[in-house]
Amino acid sequence: MGSSILVVMTNPRRASHASRLVLASLLVLPTVLCAQTPDARGSLLAADGTLSDAVYGTGAVATLPTALGATGVLVWPGAAVLQGSATASRFLAHQLGLNSAKISWQPFRIEMARDSTLAVLAGVAVLDRSATKTAVAAHRIGRYLAAWTRVNGSWQLAVLAVTNLVPGEEPSWIDNDGPAELPLLRSVGRAASFVAADSAFAADAGVMGASRAFTKWAAPDATTFAGTGELNTGPERIGAALAGNTAHWQWGAVAAGSSTDGTLGWTVGQATITPTNGGTPSKSKYLTLWRKMPDGTIKFIADGGNARP
């Protein structure tokens, strides 16, 4: 795999925000490009940029469900794991703060499977909103992670997660939005190795604690996207960020995907973090992006999440 710097501005309306954020982020986060076919990389950037432009212009409520299709997964703050356009649409429809929000994003890291059938992206997301009758003014700088699958030359959004983008008090979940929890996946099918890695990672966290487990499973260039917007890059920094966390972590994957050649994958799961002092457990969900390393082991390259009901 080669490393290079990539800065692409696809929409002048959001360039003033995104350019500053991307350039700042490149100082701390490596950008990895690995693609066998140049046209795949170009069309991926076009697809991701077109979706961001559509969300900015038309709004997340109208645009994201269509982009997800029947099987895409949305990891949105305050919601359960949203799988498929119908479930995402039900939840987003009553998020009144999104109606007037201008949301856009810009990738600062892209990695593509060797066979160009899956690509993962991470970058900066921005929400801007003027005050309305139903929402206060807001300017938020967050992050996004995504995976796209390529079938017959076309890219389809597989999963999208955002962190630190929506004001914490705004997302509202109601019972008829869909199931609050999804059943755990078994390690079968094309993504089996990544689901198995996710499960083994969780088991280690339960035995050795979050700090040591995250250090063990992080790739050398891995990054965690904290809910506060903090970026931690590399196993040592990732582990150090969790050094004081003595809570008991439990999680499991409920959705997953993989490239055809098995070199790149992703898992979405549900987590519960229980304080050791007997406090109230917190529930969250996550998107983890995985790479098969040259020695055949599987390590995570990016991880981020947000709260769930």
C-alpha atoms as a PDB file:
ATOM      1  CA  MET A   1       0.000   0.000   0.000  1.00  0.00           C
ATOM      2  CA  GLY A   2       1.161   3.523  -0.749  1.00  0.00           C
ATOM      3  CA  SER A   3       0.590   6.702   1.214  1.00  0.00           C
ATOM      4  CA  SER A   4      -0.238  10.096  -0.205  1.00  0.00           C
ATOM      5  CA  ILE A   5      -2.069  13.301   0.599  1.00  0.00           C
ATOM      6  CA  LEU A   6      -5.493  13.887  -0.846  1.00  0.00           C
ATOM      7  CA  VAL A   7      -7.482  17.139  -0.667  1.00  0.00           C
ATOM      8  CA  VAL A   8     -10.525  17.420  -2.907  1.00  0.00           C
ATOM      9  CA  MET A   9     -13.010  20.290  -2.857  1.00  0.00           C
ATOM     10  CA  THR A  10     -16.230  19.360  -4.631  1.00  0.00           C
ATOM     11  CA  ASN A  11     -18.513  22.220  -3.602  1.00  0.00           C
ATOM     12  CA  PRO A  12     -17.465  25.861  -3.251  1.00  0.00           C
ATOM     13  CA  ARG A  13     -20.346  26.521  -0.827  1.00  0.00           C
ATOM     14  CA  ARG A  14     -18.626  24.357   1.797  1.00  0.00           C
ATOM     15  CA  ALA A  15     -14.989  24.811   0.793  1.00  0.00           C
ATOM     16  CA  SER A  16     -14.326  27.565   3.341  1.00  0.00           C
ATOM     17  CA  HIS A  17     -15.208  25.241   6.223  1.00  0.00           C
ATOM     18  CA  ALA A  18     -13.928  21.996   4.821  1.00  0.00           C
ATOM     19  CA  SER A  19     -10.602  23.201   3.432  1.00  0.00           C
ATOM     20  CA  ARG A  20      -9.430  24.521   6.800  1.00  0.00           C
ATOM     21  CA  LEU A  21     -10.570  21.396   8.584  1.00  0.00           C
ATOM     22  CA  VAL A  22      -9.063  18.979   6.085  1.00  0.00           C
ATOM     23  CA  LEU A  23      -5.706  20.707   6.020  1.00  0.00           C
ATOM     24  CA  ALA A  24      -5.572  20.787   9.825  1.00  0.00           C
ATOM     25  CA  SER A  25      -6.520  17.136  10.051  1.00  0.00           C
ATOM     26  CA  LEU A  26      -3.839  16.062   7.595  1.00  0.00           C
ATOM     27  CA  LEU A  27      -1.245  17.174  10.117  1.00  0.00           C
ATOM     28  CA  VAL A  28      -2.296  14.429  12.508  1.00  0.00           C
ATOM     29  CA  LEU A  29      -3.930  11.687  10.441  1.00  0.00           C
ATOM     30  CA  PRO A  30      -2.326   9.709   7.603  1.00  0.00           C
ATOM     31  CA  THR A  31      -4.186   9.321   4.347  1.00  0.00           C
ATOM     32  CA  VAL A  32      -3.937   5.893   2.767  1.00  0.00           C
ATOM     33  CA  LEU A  33      -4.772   5.246  -0.845  1.00  0.00           C
ATOM     34  CA  CYS A  34      -4.833   1.704  -2.142  1.00  0.00           C
ATOM     35  CA  ALA A  35      -6.624   1.095  -5.398  1.00  0.00           C
ATOM     36  CA  GLN A  36      -5.911  -1.148  -8.351  1.00  0.00           C
ATOM     37  CA  THR A  37      -8.046   0.811 -10.817  1.00  0.00           C
ATOM     38  CA  PRO A  38      -7.732   4.608 -11.091  1.00  0.00           C
ATOM     39  CA  ASP A  39     -11.289   4.968 -12.391  1.00  0.00           C
ATOM     40  CA  ALA A  40     -12.594   3.331  -9.207  1.00  0.00           C
ATOM     41  CA  ARG A  41     -10.930   5.944  -7.017  1.00  0.00           C
ATOM     42  CA  GLY A  42     -12.183   8.824  -9.130  1.00  0.00           C
ATOM     43  CA  SER A  43     -15.734   7.539  -9.269  1.00  0.00           C
ATOM     44  CA  LEU A  44     -15.686   6.906  -5.503  1.00  0.00           C
ATOM     45  CA  LEU A  45     -14.712  10.508  -4.812  1.00  0.00           C
ATOM     46  CA  ALA A  46     -17.439  11.647  -7.181  1.00  0.00           C
ATOM     47  CA  ALA A  47     -20.072   9.479  -5.475  1.00  0.00           C
ATOM     48  CA  ASP A  48     -19.109  10.601  -1.970  1.00  0.00           C
ATOM     49  CA  GLY A  49     -18.939  14.245  -3.025  1.00  0.00           C
ATOM     50  CA  THR A  50     -22.251  14.076  -4.872  1.00  0.00           C
ATOM     51  CA  LEU A  51     -23.965  12.637  -1.801  1.00  0.00           C
ATOM     52  CA  SER A  52     -22.487  15.343   0.428  1.00  0.00           C
ATOM     53  CA  ASP A  53     -23.646  18.019  -2.013  1.00  0.00           C
ATOM     54  CA  ALA A  54     -27.135  16.509  -2.097  1.00  0.00           C
ATOM     55  CA  VAL A  55     -27.364  16.390   1.700  1.00  0.00           C
ATOM     56  CA  TYR A  56     -26.185  20.014   1.833  1.00  0.00           C
ATOM     57  CA  GLY A  57     -28.646  21.181  -0.797  1.00  0.00           C
ATOM     58  CA  THR A  58     -31.733  19.045  -0.199  1.00  0.00           C
ATOM     59  CA  GLY A  59     -31.259  18.037   3.422  1.00  0.00           C
ATOM     60  CA  ALA A  60     -30.364  14.859   5.295  1.00  0.00           C
ATOM     61  CA  VAL A  61     -34.003  13.905   5.895  1.00  0.00           C
ATOM     62  CA  ALA A  62     -34.816  13.675   2.189  1.00  0.00           C
ATOM     63  CA  THR A  63     -31.473  12.453   0.898  1.00  0.00           C
ATOM     64  CA  LEU A  64     -29.916   9.896   3.242  1.00  0.00           C
ATOM     65  CA  PRO A  65     -32.675   7.242   3.187  1.00  0.00           C
ATOM     66  CA  THR A  66     -32.555   7.111  -0.603  1.00  0.00           C
ATOM     67  CA  ALA A  67     -28.775   6.823  -0.570  1.00  0.00           C
ATOM     68  CA  LEU A  68     -28.900   3.902   1.870  1.00  0.00           C
ATOM     69  CA  GLY A  69     -31.251   1.828  -0.237  1.00  0.00           C
ATOM     70  CA  ALA A  70     -32.731  -1.372   1.171  1.00  0.00           C
ATOM     71  CA  THR A  71     -29.612  -2.619   2.970  1.00  0.00           C
ATOM     72  CA  GLY A  72     -27.494   0.420   3.878  1.00  0.00           C
ATOM     73  CA  VAL A  73     -26.818   1.204   7.530  1.00  0.00           C
ATOM     74  CA  LEU A  74     -26.970   4.594   9.253  1.00  0.00           C
ATOM     75  CA  VAL A  75     -25.193   5.128  12.589  1.00  0.00           C
ATOM     76  CA  TRP A  76     -26.845   8.380  13.651  1.00  0.00           C
ATOM     77  CA  PRO A  77     -26.643   9.976  17.125  1.00  0.00           C
ATOM     78  CA  GLY A  78     -29.536   9.176  19.426  1.00  0.00           C
ATOM     79  CA  ALA A  79     -30.955   6.411  17.249  1.00  0.00           C
ATOM     80  CA  ALA A  80     -30.693   2.652  17.269  1.00  0.00           C
ATOM     81  CA  VAL A  81     -28.767   1.103  14.387  1.00  0.00           C
ATOM     82  CA  LEU A  82     -30.838   2.111  11.351  1.00  0.00           C
ATOM     83  CA  GLN A  83     -30.787  -0.471   8.574  1.00  0.00           C
ATOM     84  CA  GLY A  84     -32.484   0.273   5.281  1.00  0.00           C
ATOM     85  CA  SER A  85     -34.136   3.361   3.854  1.00  0.00           C
ATOM     86  CA  ALA A  86     -37.544   2.832   5.479  1.00  0.00           C
ATOM     87  CA  THR A  87     -36.145   2.646   9.019  1.00  0.00           C
ATOM     88  CA  ALA A  88     -33.823   5.611   8.470  1.00  0.00           C
ATOM     89  CA  SER A  89     -36.663   7.662   6.989  1.00  0.00           C
ATOM     90  CA  ARG A  90     -38.973   7.038   9.969  1.00  0.00           C
ATOM     91  CA  PHE A  91     -36.359   8.259  12.425  1.00  0.00           C
ATOM     92  CA  LEU A  92     -35.072  11.242  10.441  1.00  0.00           C
ATOM     93  CA  ALA A  93     -38.584  12.481   9.631  1.00  0.00           C
ATOM     94  CA  HIS A  94     -39.200  13.707  13.196  1.00  0.00           C
ATOM     95  CA  GLN A  95     -35.751  15.210  13.818  1.00  0.00           C
ATOM     96  CA  LEU A  96     -36.986  18.783  13.465  1.00  0.00           C
ATOM     97  CA  GLY A  97     -33.544  20.294  13.941  1.00  0.00           C
ATOM     98  CA  LEU A  98     -32.408  18.720  10.672  1.00  0.00           C
ATOM     99  CA  ASN A  99     -35.027  20.419   8.522  1.00  0.00           C
ATOM    100  CA  SER A 100     -33.060  23.673   8.247  1.00  0.00           C
ATOM    101  CA  ALA A 101     -29.574  22.257   8.841  1.00  0.00           C
ATOM    102  CA  LYS A 102     -26.901  22.439   6.177  1.00  0.00           C
ATOM    103  CA  ILE A 103     -24.699  19.342   6.514  1.00  0.00           C
ATOM    104  CA  SER A 104     -21.673  18.511   4.415  1.00  0.00           C
ATOM    105  CA  TRP A 105     -18.533  16.436   4.723  1.00  0.00           C
ATOM    106  CA  GLN A 106     -15.095  16.074   3.212  1.00  0.00           C
ATOM    107  CA  PRO A 107     -12.836  12.989   3.392  1.00  0.00           C
ATOM    108  CA  PHE A 108      -9.266  13.241   4.633  1.00  0.00           C
ATOM    109  CA  ARG A 109      -8.615   9.500   4.533  1.00  0.00           C
ATOM    110  CA  ILE A 110      -9.544   6.959   1.887  1.00  0.00           C
ATOM    111  CA  GLU A 111      -8.596   3.305   1.681  1.00  0.00           C
ATOM    112  CA  MET A 112      -9.696   0.929  -1.042  1.00  0.00           C
ATOM    113  CA  ALA A 113      -9.616  -2.853  -1.183  1.00  0.00           C
ATOM    114  CA  ARG A 114      -7.105  -4.394  -3.549  1.00  0.00           C
ATOM    115  CA  ASP A 115      -9.899  -5.521  -5.857  1.00  0.00           C
ATOM    116  CA  SER A 116     -11.673  -2.128  -5.701  1.00  0.00           C
ATOM    117  CA  THR A 117     -14.982  -3.653  -4.519  1.00  0.00           C
ATOM    118  CA  LEU A 118     -15.029  -1.831  -1.161  1.00  0.00           C
ATOM    119  CA  ALA A 119     -13.703   1.518  -0.010  1.00  0.00           C
ATOM    120  CA  VAL A 120     -13.749   3.202   3.386  1.00  0.00           C
ATOM    121  CA  LEU A 121     -13.547   6.913   4.093  1.00  0.00           C
ATOM    122  CA  ALA A 122     -13.117   9.120   7.137  1.00  0.00           C
ATOM    123  CA  GLY A 123     -13.238  12.877   7.326  1.00  0.00           C
ATOM    124  CA  VAL A 124     -14.667  16.108   8.657  1.00  0.00           C
ATOM    125  CA  ALA A 125     -18.395  16.825   8.777  1.00  0.00           C
ATOM    126  CA  VAL A 126     -19.946  20.260   9.332  1.00  0.00           C
ATOM    127  CA  LEU A 127     -23.469  21.246  10.419  1.00  0.00           C
ATOM    128  CA  ASP A 128     -24.646  24.850  10.101  1.00  0.00           C
ATOM    129  CA  ARG A 129     -28.110  26.086  10.998  1.00  0.00           C
ATOM    130  CA  SER A 130     -29.735  29.454  11.526  1.00  0.00           C
ATOM    131  CA  ALA A 131     -32.273  29.836  14.313  1.00  0.00           C
ATOM    132  CA  THR A 132     -35.851  28.774  13.446  1.00  0.00           C
ATOM    133  CA  LYS A 133     -39.112  28.363  15.341  1.00  0.00           C
ATOM    134  CA  THR A 134     -38.230  24.722  16.061  1.00  0.00           C
ATOM    135  CA  ALA A 135     -34.440  24.845  16.484  1.00  0.00           C
ATOM    136  CA  VAL A 136     -31.726  27.097  17.846  1.00  0.00           C
ATOM    137  CA  ALA A 137     -28.809  28.262  15.731  1.00  0.00           C
ATOM    138  CA  ALA A 138     -25.949  25.780  15.593  1.00  0.00           C
ATOM    139  CA  HIS A 139     -22.482  25.386  14.141  1.00  0.00           C
ATOM    140  CA  ARG A 140     -20.955  21.969  14.732  1.00  0.00           C
ATOM    141  CA  ILE A 141     -17.725  20.428  13.496  1.00  0.00           C
ATOM    142  CA  GLY A 142     -17.794  16.639  13.657  1.00  0.00           C
ATOM    143  CA  ARG A 143     -16.472  13.591  11.849  1.00  0.00           C
ATOM    144  CA  TYR A 144     -17.843  11.001   9.492  1.00  0.00           C
ATOM    145  CA  LEU A 145     -16.925   7.453   8.594  1.00  0.00           C
ATOM    146  CA  ALA A 146     -18.349   5.556   5.658  1.00  0.00           C
ATOM    147  CA  ALA A 147     -17.985   2.450   3.551  1.00  0.00           C
ATOM    148  CA  TRP A 148     -18.993   2.149  -0.101  1.00  0.00           C
ATOM    149  CA  THR A 149     -19.377  -1.025  -2.152  1.00  0.00           C
ATOM    150  CA  ARG A 150     -18.701  -1.186  -5.888  1.00  0.00           C
ATOM    151  CA  VAL A 151     -20.911  -3.410  -8.019  1.00  0.00           C
ATOM    152  CA  ASN A 152     -20.717  -3.450 -11.817  1.00  0.00           C
ATOM    153  CA  GLY A 153     -18.671  -0.257 -11.773  1.00  0.00           C
ATOM    154  CA  SER A 154     -21.075   1.760  -9.597  1.00  0.00           C
ATOM    155  CA  TRP A 155     -20.598   2.785  -5.973  1.00  0.00           C
ATOM    156  CA  GLN A 156     -23.362   2.221  -3.394  1.00  0.00           C
ATOM    157  CA  LEU A 157     -23.282   3.597   0.143  1.00  0.00           C
ATOM    158  CA  ALA A 158     -23.040   0.648   2.560  1.00  0.00           C
ATOM    159  CA  VAL A 159     -22.771   2.447   5.895  1.00  0.00           C
ATOM    160  CA  LEU A 160     -22.463   5.998   7.215  1.00  0.00           C
ATOM    161  CA  ALA A 161     -21.676   7.145  10.765  1.00  0.00           C
ATOM    162  CA  VAL A 162     -21.284  10.650  12.189  1.00  0.00           C
ATOM    163  CA  THR A 163     -19.808  11.735  15.510  1.00  0.00           C
ATOM    164  CA  ASN A 164     -20.034  15.045  17.400  1.00  0.00           C
ATOM    165  CA  LEU A 165     -22.213  16.526  14.654  1.00  0.00           C
ATOM    166  CA  VAL A 166     -25.703  16.831  16.147  1.00  0.00           C
ATOM    167  CA  PRO A 167     -26.322  18.745  19.401  1.00  0.00           C
ATOM    168  CA  GLY A 168     -26.677  16.119  22.115  1.00  0.00           C
ATOM    169  CA  GLU A 169     -30.121  17.159  23.308  1.00  0.00           C
ATOM    170  CA  GLU A 170     -31.733  17.038  19.868  1.00  0.00           C
ATOM    171  CA  PRO A 171     -32.041  13.450  18.633  1.00  0.00           C
ATOM    172  CA  SER A 172     -35.311  11.905  19.768  1.00  0.00           C
ATOM    173  CA  TRP A 173     -36.165   8.217  19.510  1.00  0.00           C
ATOM    174  CA  ILE A 174     -39.728   6.919  19.608  1.00  0.00           C
ATOM    175  CA  ASP A 175     -40.884   3.325  19.796  1.00  0.00           C
ATOM    176  CA  ASN A 176     -42.280   3.110  16.279  1.00  0.00           C
ATOM    177  CA  ASP A 177     -38.985   4.209  14.713  1.00  0.00           C
ATOM    178  CA  GLY A 178     -37.975   0.543  14.610  1.00  0.00           C
ATOM    179  CA  PRO A 179     -36.278  -2.051  16.815  1.00  0.00           C
ATOM    180  CA  ALA A 180     -34.167  -0.542  19.584  1.00  0.00           C
ATOM    181  CA  GLU A 181     -31.735  -3.450  19.253  1.00  0.00           C
ATOM    182  CA  LEU A 182     -30.835  -5.751  16.379  1.00  0.00           C
ATOM    183  CA  PRO A 183     -29.826  -9.415  16.761  1.00  0.00           C
ATOM    184  CA  LEU A 184     -26.102 -10.178  16.841  1.00  0.00           C
ATOM    185  CA  LEU A 185     -24.464 -11.548  13.706  1.00  0.00           C
ATOM    186  CA  ARG A 186     -22.868 -14.956  13.423  1.00  0.00           C
ATOM    187  CA  SER A 187     -19.429 -15.259  11.838  1.00  0.00           C
ATOM    188  CA  VAL A 188     -20.652 -16.559   8.492  1.00  0.00           C
ATOM    189  CA  GLY A 189     -20.564 -15.307   4.930  1.00  0.00           C
ATOM    190  CA  ARG A 190     -18.097 -13.043   3.180  1.00  0.00           C
ATOM    191  CA  ALA A 191     -17.628 -10.762   6.187  1.00  0.00           C
ATOM    192  CA  ALA A 192     -17.128 -13.658   8.625  1.00  0.00           C
ATOM    193  CA  SER A 193     -13.478 -12.871   9.355  1.00  0.00           C
ATOM    194  CA  PHE A 194     -14.307  -9.280  10.278  1.00  0.00           C
ATOM    195  CA  VAL A 195     -17.250 -10.296  12.478  1.00  0.00           C
ATOM    196  CA  ALA A 196     -14.969 -12.820  14.182  1.00  0.00           C
ATOM    197  CA  ALA A 197     -12.342 -10.116  14.730  1.00  0.00           C
ATOM    198  CA  ASP A 198     -14.988  -7.805  16.185  1.00  0.00           C
ATOM    199  CA  SER A 199     -16.084 -10.578  18.576  1.00  0.00           C
ATOM    200  CA  ALA A 200     -12.521 -11.405  19.641  1.00  0.00           C
ATOM    201  CA  PHE A 201     -11.817  -7.702  20.178  1.00  0.00           C
ATOM    202  CA  ALA A 202     -14.875  -7.462  22.444  1.00  0.00           C
ATOM    203  CA  ALA A 203     -13.818 -10.559  24.369  1.00  0.00           C
ATOM    204  CA  ASP A 204     -10.374  -9.046  24.981  1.00  0.00           C
ATOM    205  CA  ALA A 205     -11.931  -5.812  26.212  1.00  0.00           C
ATOM    206  CA  GLY A 206     -13.962  -7.794  28.729  1.00  0.00           C
ATOM    207  CA  VAL A 207     -10.875  -9.626  30.029  1.00  0.00           C
ATOM    208  CA  MET A 208      -8.011  -7.113  29.795  1.00  0.00           C
ATOM    209  CA  GLY A 209      -9.893  -3.814  29.758  1.00  0.00           C
ATOM    210  CA  ALA A 210     -10.631  -1.328  27.004  1.00  0.00           C
ATOM    211  CA  SER A 211      -7.220   0.364  26.946  1.00  0.00           C
ATOM    212  CA  ARG A 212      -5.175  -2.787  26.388  1.00  0.00           C
ATOM    213  CA  ALA A 213      -7.705  -4.287  23.979  1.00  0.00           C
ATOM    214  CA  PHE A 214      -7.836  -1.189  21.770  1.00  0.00           C
ATOM    215  CA  THR A 215      -4.025  -1.046  21.758  1.00  0.00           C
ATOM    216  CA  LYS A 216      -3.820  -4.717  20.738  1.00  0.00           C
ATOM    217  CA  TRP A 217      -6.333  -4.537  17.906  1.00  0.00           C
ATOM    218  CA  ALA A 218      -5.360  -1.171  16.396  1.00  0.00           C
ATOM    219  CA  ALA A 219      -3.414  -1.091  13.128  1.00  0.00           C
ATOM    220  CA  PRO A 220      -0.252   1.045  13.195  1.00  0.00           C
ATOM    221  CA  ASP A 221      -2.127   3.872  11.444  1.00  0.00           C
ATOM    222  CA  ALA A 222      -5.482   3.364  13.180  1.00  0.00           C
ATOM    223  CA  THR A 223      -7.578   6.282  14.407  1.00  0.00           C
ATOM    224  CA  THR A 224     -10.414   6.436  16.909  1.00  0.00           C
ATOM    225  CA  PHE A 225     -13.071   9.131  16.554  1.00  0.00           C
ATOM    226  CA  ALA A 226     -14.269  10.082  20.025  1.00  0.00           C
ATOM    227  CA  GLY A 227     -17.755  11.466  20.556  1.00  0.00           C
ATOM    228  CA  THR A 228     -16.155  14.724  21.702  1.00  0.00           C
ATOM    229  CA  GLY A 229     -14.470  15.156  18.308  1.00  0.00           C
ATOM    230  CA  GLU A 230     -11.044  14.106  19.568  1.00  0.00           C
ATOM    231  CA  LEU A 231      -8.846  12.079  17.195  1.00  0.00           C
ATOM    232  CA  ASN A 232      -6.420   9.507  18.568  1.00  0.00           C
ATOM    233  CA  THR A 233      -4.010   7.988  16.060  1.00  0.00           C
ATOM    234  CA  GLY A 234      -1.787   4.940  16.517  1.00  0.00           C
ATOM    235  CA  PRO A 235      -2.081   2.093  19.046  1.00  0.00           C
ATOM    236  CA  GLU A 236      -0.217   3.871  21.847  1.00  0.00           C
ATOM    237  CA  ARG A 237      -2.249   7.065  21.658  1.00  0.00           C
ATOM    238  CA  ILE A 238      -5.483   5.125  21.317  1.00  0.00           C
ATOM    239  CA  GLY A 239      -4.688   3.038  24.366  1.00  0.00           C
ATOM    240  CA  ALA A 240      -3.521   6.049  26.370  1.00  0.00           C
ATOM    241  CA  ALA A 241      -6.805   7.852  25.717  1.00  0.00           C
ATOM    242  CA  LEU A 242      -8.606   4.985  27.479  1.00  0.00           C
ATOM    243  CA  ALA A 243      -6.017   4.405  30.217  1.00  0.00           C
ATOM    244  CA  GLY A 244      -8.230   5.751  32.973  1.00  0.00           C
ATOM    245  CA  ASN A 245     -11.338   3.913  31.835  1.00  0.00           C
ATOM    246  CA  THR A 246     -12.049   1.018  34.200  1.00  0.00           C
ATOM    247  CA  ALA A 247     -15.618   0.362  33.034  1.00  0.00           C
ATOM    248  CA  HIS A 248     -16.702  -3.026  31.719  1.00  0.00           C
ATOM    249  CA  TRP A 249     -17.173  -2.907  27.946  1.00  0.00           C
ATOM    250  CA  GLN A 250     -19.427  -5.298  26.055  1.00  0.00           C
ATOM    251  CA  TRP A 251     -20.325  -5.169  22.380  1.00  0.00           C
ATOM    252  CA  GLY A 252     -21.325  -7.238  19.381  1.00  0.00           C
ATOM    253  CA  ALA A 253     -21.740  -6.743  15.639  1.00  0.00           C
ATOM    254  CA  VAL A 254     -25.207  -6.497  14.092  1.00  0.00           C
ATOM    255  CA  ALA A 255     -24.210  -5.607  10.505  1.00  0.00           C
ATOM    256  CA  ALA A 256     -21.062  -6.126   8.467  1.00  0.00           C
ATOM    257  CA  GLY A 257     -19.564  -5.965   5.016  1.00  0.00           C
ATOM    258  CA  SER A 258     -16.430  -6.999   3.162  1.00  0.00           C
ATOM    259  CA  SER A 259     -14.643  -6.557  -0.108  1.00  0.00           C
ATOM    260  CA  THR A 260     -14.851  -9.556  -2.415  1.00  0.00           C
ATOM    261  CA  ASP A 261     -11.162 -10.342  -1.839  1.00  0.00           C
ATOM    262  CA  GLY A 262     -11.433 -10.031   1.963  1.00  0.00           C
ATOM    263  CA  THR A 263      -8.766  -7.335   2.324  1.00  0.00           C
ATOM    264  CA  LEU A 264     -11.072  -4.659   3.739  1.00  0.00           C
ATOM    265  CA  GLY A 265     -14.243  -4.786   5.821  1.00  0.00           C
ATOM    266  CA  TRP A 266     -16.525  -3.064   8.318  1.00  0.00           C
ATOM    267  CA  THR A 267     -18.724  -3.924  11.275  1.00  0.00           C
ATOM    268  CA  VAL A 268     -21.535  -2.028  12.973  1.00  0.00           C
ATOM    269  CA  GLY A 269     -22.467  -3.037  16.486  1.00  0.00           C
ATOM    270  CA  GLN A 270     -24.202  -2.259  19.743  1.00  0.00           C
ATOM    271  CA  ALA A 271     -22.188  -1.613  22.908  1.00  0.00           C
ATOM    272  CA  THR A 272     -22.931  -1.312  26.612  1.00  0.00           C
ATOM    273  CA  ILE A 273     -20.398   0.285  28.957  1.00  0.00           C
ATOM    274  CA  THR A 274     -20.973  -0.409  32.637  1.00  0.00           C
ATOM    275  CA  PRO A 275     -19.107   1.573  35.330  1.00  0.00           C
ATOM    276  CA  THR A 276     -17.254  -0.568  37.844  1.00  0.00           C
ATOM    277  CA  ASN A 277     -18.772   1.435  40.701  1.00  0.00           C
ATOM    278  CA  GLY A 278     -22.235   0.212  39.856  1.00  0.00           C
ATOM    279  CA  GLY A 279     -23.389   3.355  38.058  1.00  0.00           C
ATOM    280  CA  THR A 280     -25.866   3.488  35.211  1.00  0.00           C
ATOM    281  CA  PRO A 281     -24.647   1.684  32.068  1.00  0.00           C
ATOM    282  CA  SER A 282     -24.357   3.748  28.889  1.00  0.00           C
ATOM    283  CA  LYS A 283     -25.492   2.381  25.557  1.00  0.00           C
ATOM    284  CA  SER A 284     -23.776   3.208  22.304  1.00  0.00           C
ATOM    285  CA  LYS A 285     -23.258   1.916  18.804  1.00  0.00           C
ATOM    286  CA  TYR A 286     -20.208   1.940  16.560  1.00  0.00           C
ATOM    287  CA  LEU A 287     -18.767   1.623  13.093  1.00  0.00           C
ATOM    288  CA  THR A 288     -15.386  -0.104  12.911  1.00  0.00           C
ATOM    289  CA  LEU A 289     -13.363  -0.209   9.685  1.00  0.00           C
ATOM    290  CA  TRP A 290     -11.020  -3.193   9.308  1.00  0.00           C
ATOM    291  CA  ARG A 291      -7.985  -4.159   7.213  1.00  0.00           C
ATOM    292  CA  LYS A 292      -6.409  -7.549   6.603  1.00  0.00           C
ATOM    293  CA  MET A 293      -2.729  -6.974   7.338  1.00  0.00           C
ATOM    294  CA  PRO A 294       0.177  -8.374   5.248  1.00  0.00           C
ATOM    295  CA  ASP A 295       0.717 -11.143   7.827  1.00  0.00           C
ATOM    296  CA  GLY A 296      -2.925 -12.244   7.551  1.00  0.00           C
ATOM    297  CA  THR A 297      -4.099 -10.772  10.869  1.00  0.00           C
ATOM    298  CA  ILE A 298      -7.029  -8.375  10.987  1.00  0.00           C
ATOM    299  CA  LYS A 299      -6.724  -4.976  12.664  1.00  0.00           C
ATOM    300  CA  PHE A 300      -9.049  -2.014  12.866  1.00  0.00           C
ATOM    301  CA  ILE A 301      -8.058   1.139  10.997  1.00  0.00           C
ATOM    302  CA  ALA A 302     -10.823   3.456  12.233  1.00  0.00           C
ATOM    303  CA  ASP A 303     -13.498   3.318  14.892  1.00  0.00           C
ATOM    304  CA  GLY A 304     -16.205   5.767  15.925  1.00  0.00           C
ATOM    305  CA  GLY A 305     -19.670   5.761  17.399  1.00  0.00           C
ATOM    306  CA  ASN A 306     -22.438   7.575  19.214  1.00  0.00           C
ATOM    307  CA  ALA A 307     -25.238   7.046  21.714  1.00  0.00           C
ATOM    308  CA  ARG A 308     -28.289   4.814  21.235  1.00  0.00           C
ATOM    309  CA  PRO A 309     -31.589   4.439  23.100  1.00  0.00           C
END
